[in-house]
Amino acid sequence: RESSEWGSIPSEDVDSRAQGCVQLSWTMNLTAGDNVAVAFSYPYSFYRLQQFLDCIDERKEQLESDGVAYHRSRLCLSADGLRVDMVKIAQGDSVELESPDAFAGRSVVLVSARVHPGETPSSFVCEAMIDFILGKSQIAEELRRRHIFVFIPMLNPDGVFRGHYRTDGCGVDLNRTYTTCGPAQPTVVALKELGQTIHKLGRLHMYLDLHAHATRRGMFVFGNQPTTVDARVDGILFPYLLSTVVPEFELAGCEWAIRNMIRKTTKRSMADCSRVALFNATGGTCPLVYTVESNYSRGFRVVEQLNPGHWGRLGRGLGEALYLFDHFDSPSLWLRTNFFTAV
């Protein structure tokens, strides 16, 4: 089913009761011949991703005539043998994107999504961001001239294909394996090596790991604790700028605390997640490394339930905020004069 056919069950029609667990129940009035499906959130399948990327492939000639460099390739195969796509976008010649050292001098923005297969909002965010970066706006063109964008839209296709919520085909949470990954986690190994290679070339500008959150409301990011004051300011500035272009984004919900880099969840440390592992691999020098989160349904700054339209706005906003960040003159002065009142 297309996402446009889905809608939220009105909250007043849902009965929730806690008796050692949370139980949801609701009533639906159906007539003969009705075909109704119920899902935890708006679905986004492996098949939909392939359709989306295939449609871009069909536009490649037109994109290239507009000066857009676009290259789709296979990062690796998953443990179940499914394709893990990698999409590169810049301004210039598409052929040059096939080279590991393409467009020397430009920094790289690395984006990944769906390491947790049930977190479908992340795919809507990623899809919208790809569309925005490929677009004809002046902002998109300047971003392409400044950066190379590298997208891994679905890092855990096995879990998506099997209908898992958080794990891969073997029941492993891949986002807790970045310091211990091996042949059984080929997608994590491939992304880890890609990020480290980009950093060693001195070209990693930003890494965004797109997720969804079931317990914390709104849209927000988890950041890290860089080693210098200037880097810490940069790490705070980007979410602030994001809050100015995305009405649903909750700056007050963002965290940069060290505890979110080391605390344990489900017997594993947050140090094993992609955000912290890649940040540590840079020696703590790259401030723009984030886990980007959105609740499935609720925020504080909007009254309506979150849906693909809101997640699309977040995807576009990530590009717009990066453009603003690139043109920001004095982050340290901004922090001293604005941040503590802004939050």
Protein backbone atom coordinates (compact mmCIF):
# COMPACT_ATOMS: atom_id res chain seq x y z
CA ARG A 1 0.00 0.00 0.00
CA GLU A 2 1.14 3.54 -0.70
CA SER A 3 1.67 5.78 2.32
CA SER A 4 -1.05 8.13 1.08
CA GLU A 5 -3.58 5.36 1.81
CA TRP A 6 -2.61 5.13 5.47
CA GLY A 7 -3.87 7.22 8.35
CA SER A 8 -3.71 7.29 12.12
CA ILE A 9 -6.48 5.81 14.22
CA PRO A 10 -7.98 8.74 16.18
CA SER A 11 -6.65 8.70 19.72
CA GLU A 12 -10.14 9.02 21.17
CA ASP A 13 -11.01 5.68 19.54
CA VAL A 14 -8.13 3.85 21.23
CA ASP A 15 -8.36 2.29 24.69
CA SER A 16 -5.00 1.79 26.42
CA ARG A 17 -4.59 -0.13 29.63
CA ALA A 18 -1.48 -1.07 31.57
CA GLN A 19 -1.64 -4.42 33.38
CA GLY A 20 1.99 -5.40 33.41
CA CYS A 21 2.07 -4.35 29.77
CA VAL A 22 0.40 -1.82 27.50
CA GLN A 23 -2.69 -3.05 25.67
CA LEU A 24 -4.30 -1.11 22.85
CA SER A 25 -7.74 -1.88 21.54
CA TRP A 26 -10.04 -0.16 19.07
CA THR A 27 -13.16 -0.82 17.04
CA MET A 28 -13.38 -0.60 13.25
CA ASN A 29 -16.62 -0.71 11.29
CA LEU A 30 -16.06 -2.65 8.06
CA THR A 31 -18.29 -3.71 5.20
CA ALA A 32 -18.03 -6.81 3.04
CA GLY A 33 -15.11 -6.59 0.64
CA ASP A 34 -13.11 -4.06 2.67
CA ASN A 35 -9.37 -4.66 2.63
CA VAL A 36 -7.80 -3.13 5.74
CA ALA A 37 -4.26 -3.41 7.09
CA VAL A 38 -3.01 -2.23 10.49
CA ALA A 39 0.57 -1.18 11.09
CA PHE A 40 2.60 0.31 13.93
CA SER A 41 3.53 3.32 11.77
CA TYR A 42 3.39 4.41 8.14
CA PRO A 43 5.09 1.55 6.26
CA TYR A 44 8.15 2.02 4.08
CA SER A 45 9.31 -1.22 2.48
CA PHE A 46 12.47 -2.41 0.76
CA TYR A 47 10.41 -2.54 -2.44
CA ARG A 48 9.38 1.10 -2.07
CA LEU A 49 13.00 2.17 -1.73
CA GLN A 50 13.92 0.29 -4.91
CA GLN A 51 11.03 1.97 -6.73
CA PHE A 52 12.12 5.40 -5.49
CA LEU A 53 15.72 4.92 -6.59
CA ASP A 54 14.67 3.37 -9.91
CA CYS A 55 12.62 6.50 -10.62
CA ILE A 56 15.68 8.66 -10.00
CA ASP A 57 17.73 6.42 -12.29
CA GLU A 58 15.20 7.10 -15.04
CA ARG A 59 15.76 10.85 -14.53
CA LYS A 60 19.55 10.60 -14.57
CA GLU A 61 19.97 11.99 -18.08
CA GLN A 62 17.83 15.02 -17.21
CA LEU A 63 19.67 15.51 -13.93
CA GLU A 64 23.01 15.45 -15.71
CA SER A 65 21.80 18.01 -18.25
CA ASP A 66 21.08 20.27 -15.25
CA GLY A 67 24.62 19.77 -13.98
CA VAL A 68 23.68 17.31 -11.22
CA ALA A 69 26.12 14.48 -10.61
CA TYR A 70 24.26 11.37 -9.50
CA HIS A 71 25.64 7.88 -9.02
CA ARG A 72 23.87 4.85 -7.57
CA SER A 73 25.90 1.79 -6.67
CA ARG A 74 25.86 -1.20 -4.33
CA LEU A 75 27.62 -0.61 -1.04
CA CYS A 76 27.46 -4.32 -0.22
CA LEU A 77 25.11 -7.26 0.12
CA SER A 78 23.34 -7.90 3.40
CA ALA A 79 23.70 -11.16 5.34
CA ASP A 80 20.55 -12.40 3.55
CA GLY A 81 21.93 -11.33 0.18
CA LEU A 82 19.82 -8.19 -0.29
CA ARG A 83 21.21 -5.14 -2.02
CA VAL A 84 22.37 -2.22 0.14
CA ASP A 85 22.27 0.88 -2.04
CA MET A 86 24.65 3.81 -1.90
CA VAL A 87 23.67 7.08 -3.61
CA LYS A 88 26.16 9.88 -4.26
CA ILE A 89 25.08 13.38 -5.30
CA ALA A 90 27.12 16.48 -6.16
CA GLN A 91 27.31 19.23 -8.78
CA GLY A 92 29.38 18.31 -11.82
CA ASP A 93 30.09 15.17 -13.85
CA SER A 94 28.43 11.93 -12.70
CA VAL A 95 31.35 9.86 -13.99
CA GLU A 96 33.67 11.57 -11.51
CA LEU A 97 31.49 10.36 -8.61
CA GLU A 98 32.56 6.79 -9.39
CA SER A 99 36.08 7.61 -8.19
CA PRO A 100 36.90 7.29 -4.44
CA ASP A 101 38.62 10.70 -4.51
CA ALA A 102 35.92 12.43 -6.57
CA PHE A 103 35.75 16.23 -6.57
CA ALA A 104 38.90 16.76 -4.52
CA GLY A 105 38.48 19.63 -2.12
CA ARG A 106 34.80 19.10 -1.42
CA SER A 107 33.73 17.78 1.95
CA VAL A 108 31.41 14.80 2.36
CA VAL A 109 28.02 14.61 4.06
CA LEU A 110 27.27 10.98 4.96
CA VAL A 111 23.67 9.95 5.72
CA SER A 112 22.34 6.53 6.74
CA ALA A 113 18.86 5.28 7.65
CA ARG A 114 16.89 2.21 8.72
CA VAL A 115 19.52 0.40 10.75
CA HIS A 116 16.47 -0.25 12.93
CA PRO A 117 13.97 -1.63 10.43
CA GLY A 118 10.80 -0.65 12.27
CA GLU A 119 11.77 3.03 12.35
CA THR A 120 10.02 3.91 9.10
CA PRO A 121 9.92 7.71 9.69
CA SER A 122 13.66 7.72 9.00
CA SER A 123 13.03 6.53 5.43
CA PHE A 124 10.59 9.37 4.77
CA VAL A 125 13.19 11.81 6.12
CA CYS A 126 15.92 10.27 3.94
CA GLU A 127 13.74 10.21 0.81
CA ALA A 128 12.83 13.88 1.23
CA MET A 129 16.44 14.87 1.82
CA ILE A 130 17.56 13.08 -1.35
CA ASP A 131 14.80 14.81 -3.34
CA PHE A 132 15.80 18.18 -1.88
CA ILE A 133 19.51 17.76 -2.66
CA LEU A 134 18.63 16.70 -6.22
CA GLY A 135 16.34 19.71 -6.65
CA LYS A 136 16.71 22.84 -8.74
CA SER A 137 16.67 25.37 -5.90
CA GLN A 138 19.60 27.72 -5.43
CA ILE A 139 20.20 26.24 -1.98
CA ALA A 140 20.38 22.69 -3.35
CA GLU A 141 22.78 23.69 -6.13
CA GLU A 142 25.11 25.49 -3.74
CA LEU A 143 25.08 22.54 -1.36
CA ARG A 144 26.04 20.25 -4.23
CA ARG A 145 28.92 22.59 -5.15
CA ARG A 146 30.23 22.62 -1.59
CA HIS A 147 29.72 18.97 -0.65
CA ILE A 148 29.40 15.42 -1.91
CA PHE A 149 26.32 13.78 -0.40
CA VAL A 150 26.54 10.05 0.25
CA PHE A 151 23.30 8.30 1.24
CA ILE A 152 22.85 4.76 2.55
CA PRO A 153 19.02 4.77 2.59
CA MET A 154 18.44 1.30 4.06
CA LEU A 155 21.26 -0.18 6.12
CA ASN A 156 19.28 -3.17 7.43
CA PRO A 157 17.22 -4.49 4.49
CA ASP A 158 17.07 -7.96 6.08
CA GLY A 159 15.19 -6.66 9.10
CA VAL A 160 12.93 -4.55 6.89
CA PHE A 161 12.14 -7.47 4.59
CA ARG A 162 11.41 -9.80 7.53
CA GLY A 163 9.26 -7.24 9.32
CA HIS A 164 11.50 -6.92 12.38
CA TYR A 165 11.29 -3.87 14.60
CA ARG A 166 14.89 -3.39 15.76
CA THR A 167 17.09 -6.28 14.66
CA ASP A 168 18.56 -7.93 11.58
CA GLY A 169 17.71 -11.42 10.32
CA CYS A 170 19.71 -13.00 13.15
CA GLY A 171 18.03 -11.01 15.91
CA VAL A 172 21.00 -8.64 16.38
CA ASP A 173 20.65 -4.89 16.96
CA LEU A 174 23.13 -3.69 14.34
CA ASN A 175 23.39 -0.27 15.94
CA ARG A 176 25.15 -1.83 18.91
CA THR A 177 27.85 -3.63 16.90
CA TYR A 178 30.06 -0.87 15.47
CA THR A 179 33.01 -1.65 17.74
CA THR A 180 32.64 -5.44 17.46
CA CYS A 181 31.22 -6.00 13.94
CA GLY A 182 32.50 -8.79 11.73
CA PRO A 183 31.48 -10.91 8.72
CA ALA A 184 28.04 -11.59 10.24
CA GLN A 185 27.26 -7.84 10.01
CA PRO A 186 28.44 -6.94 6.48
CA THR A 187 26.36 -3.77 6.23
CA VAL A 188 27.81 -2.32 9.43
CA VAL A 189 31.34 -3.25 8.39
CA ALA A 190 30.81 -1.55 5.02
CA LEU A 191 29.41 1.67 6.52
CA LYS A 192 32.10 1.79 9.20
CA GLU A 193 34.86 1.38 6.62
CA LEU A 194 33.24 3.99 4.38
CA GLY A 195 33.03 6.57 7.18
CA GLN A 196 36.59 5.92 8.34
CA THR A 197 37.91 6.19 4.78
CA ILE A 198 36.18 9.52 4.26
CA HIS A 199 37.61 10.79 7.55
CA LYS A 200 41.16 9.63 6.75
CA LEU A 201 40.95 11.61 3.53
CA GLY A 202 40.12 14.65 5.66
CA ARG A 203 36.75 15.11 3.99
CA LEU A 204 34.10 14.13 6.55
CA HIS A 205 31.98 17.21 7.21
CA MET A 206 28.83 15.65 8.66
CA TYR A 207 27.29 12.29 9.49
CA LEU A 208 23.54 11.91 10.05
CA ASP A 209 22.14 8.60 11.29
CA LEU A 210 18.36 8.77 10.81
CA HIS A 211 16.09 7.07 13.35
CA ALA A 212 12.66 7.19 14.98
CA HIS A 213 11.84 7.20 18.69
CA ALA A 214 8.90 5.53 20.41
CA THR A 215 9.11 7.11 23.87
CA ARG A 216 10.49 10.64 23.47
CA ARG A 217 8.17 13.12 21.82
CA GLY A 218 8.98 15.44 18.93
CA MET A 219 11.96 15.70 16.60
CA PHE A 220 15.45 16.11 18.07
CA VAL A 221 19.07 14.99 17.79
CA PHE A 222 21.61 13.24 19.97
CA GLY A 223 25.08 14.75 19.56
CA ASN A 224 28.50 14.17 21.07
CA GLN A 225 31.09 16.00 23.19
CA PRO A 226 33.88 17.26 20.89
CA THR A 227 37.33 17.99 22.26
CA THR A 228 37.42 21.75 21.61
CA VAL A 229 35.11 24.61 22.55
CA ASP A 230 34.71 25.74 18.93
CA ALA A 231 33.72 22.23 17.87
CA ARG A 232 31.17 22.04 20.69
CA VAL A 233 29.68 25.33 19.55
CA ASP A 234 29.38 24.01 15.99
CA GLY A 235 27.73 20.87 17.31
CA ILE A 236 25.05 22.96 19.03
CA LEU A 237 24.65 25.50 16.22
CA PHE A 238 23.42 23.06 13.58
CA PRO A 239 20.40 21.81 15.61
CA TYR A 240 19.60 25.41 16.51
CA LEU A 241 19.50 26.34 12.82
CA LEU A 242 17.41 23.24 12.14
CA SER A 243 14.87 24.44 14.70
CA THR A 244 14.48 27.70 12.75
CA VAL A 245 13.45 25.94 9.53
CA VAL A 246 11.51 22.92 10.84
CA PRO A 247 8.59 23.96 13.10
CA GLU A 248 8.31 20.46 14.60
CA PHE A 249 11.97 20.27 15.65
CA GLU A 250 12.49 20.44 19.43
CA LEU A 251 15.78 22.16 20.29
CA ALA A 252 15.09 21.65 23.99
CA GLY A 253 14.85 17.90 23.36
CA CYS A 254 18.38 17.63 21.96
CA GLU A 255 21.21 16.17 24.01
CA TRP A 256 24.98 16.32 23.80
CA ALA A 257 25.66 14.70 27.17
CA ILE A 258 28.55 12.28 27.62
CA ARG A 259 26.12 9.83 29.24
CA ASN A 260 24.50 9.35 25.82
CA MET A 261 27.89 8.29 24.49
CA ILE A 262 28.63 5.64 27.12
CA ARG A 263 25.39 4.50 28.80
CA LYS A 264 24.25 0.92 28.32
CA THR A 265 21.03 -0.09 26.59
CA THR A 266 19.92 -3.72 26.24
CA LYS A 267 23.26 -4.85 27.75
CA ARG A 268 25.30 -2.95 25.15
CA SER A 269 26.96 0.44 25.34
CA MET A 270 26.00 3.49 23.28
CA ALA A 271 29.69 3.56 22.38
CA ASP A 272 28.81 0.72 19.99
CA CYS A 273 26.32 2.82 17.97
CA SER A 274 27.26 4.45 14.67
CA ARG A 275 27.10 8.03 15.95
CA VAL A 276 29.54 7.51 18.81
CA ALA A 277 31.77 4.98 17.02
CA LEU A 278 32.30 7.24 14.00
CA PHE A 279 32.77 10.30 16.22
CA ASN A 280 35.41 8.46 18.26
CA ALA A 281 37.08 7.26 15.05
CA THR A 282 37.62 10.93 14.13
CA GLY A 283 39.39 11.49 17.44
CA GLY A 284 36.45 13.53 18.66
CA THR A 285 37.23 16.33 16.22
CA CYS A 286 34.14 16.20 13.99
CA PRO A 287 31.24 17.99 15.73
CA LEU A 288 28.55 17.43 13.11
CA VAL A 289 27.84 13.78 13.91
CA TYR A 290 24.27 13.17 15.00
CA THR A 291 21.55 10.65 15.59
CA VAL A 292 18.47 12.36 14.12
CA GLU A 293 15.25 11.26 15.80
CA SER A 294 11.52 11.74 15.32
CA ASN A 295 8.67 10.38 17.37
CA TYR A 296 6.19 8.23 15.46
CA SER A 297 3.17 10.33 16.31
CA ARG A 298 3.57 13.16 18.82
CA GLY A 299 5.52 16.34 19.37
CA PHE A 300 5.36 19.36 21.64
CA ARG A 301 5.36 22.08 18.98
CA VAL A 302 2.55 20.64 16.83
CA VAL A 303 -0.90 19.46 17.83
CA GLU A 304 -1.59 17.12 14.93
CA GLN A 305 -0.17 13.61 14.76
CA LEU A 306 3.14 13.36 12.94
CA ASN A 307 2.96 11.84 9.45
CA PRO A 308 5.10 11.50 6.31
CA GLY A 309 4.50 15.16 5.50
CA HIS A 310 6.19 16.22 8.74
CA TRP A 311 9.07 13.79 8.24
CA GLY A 312 9.50 15.09 4.71
CA ARG A 313 9.79 18.61 6.10
CA LEU A 314 12.52 17.39 8.45
CA GLY A 315 14.41 15.85 5.51
CA ARG A 316 14.29 19.10 3.54
CA GLY A 317 15.12 21.06 6.68
CA LEU A 318 18.33 19.11 7.20
CA GLY A 319 19.52 20.43 3.85
CA GLU A 320 18.35 23.99 4.57
CA ALA A 321 20.01 24.00 8.00
CA LEU A 322 23.27 22.80 6.49
CA TYR A 323 23.12 25.66 3.99
CA LEU A 324 22.61 28.14 6.86
CA PHE A 325 25.44 26.53 8.81
CA ASP A 326 27.80 26.85 5.85
CA HIS A 327 27.08 30.60 5.74
CA PHE A 328 27.27 31.30 9.48
CA ASP A 329 30.10 33.69 10.35
CA SER A 330 30.68 33.70 14.10
CA PRO A 331 29.38 30.63 15.97
CA SER A 332 31.18 31.49 19.24
CA LEU A 333 29.68 34.97 19.39
CA TRP A 334 26.26 33.52 18.57
CA LEU A 335 26.54 30.99 21.41
CA ARG A 336 27.41 33.63 24.00
CA THR A 337 24.61 35.96 22.96
CA ASN A 338 21.75 33.68 21.90
CA PHE A 339 21.86 30.04 22.82
CA PHE A 340 21.05 30.05 26.51
CA THR A 341 17.97 32.18 25.91
CA ALA A 342 17.00 30.25 22.77
CA VAL A 343 16.66 27.02 24.72
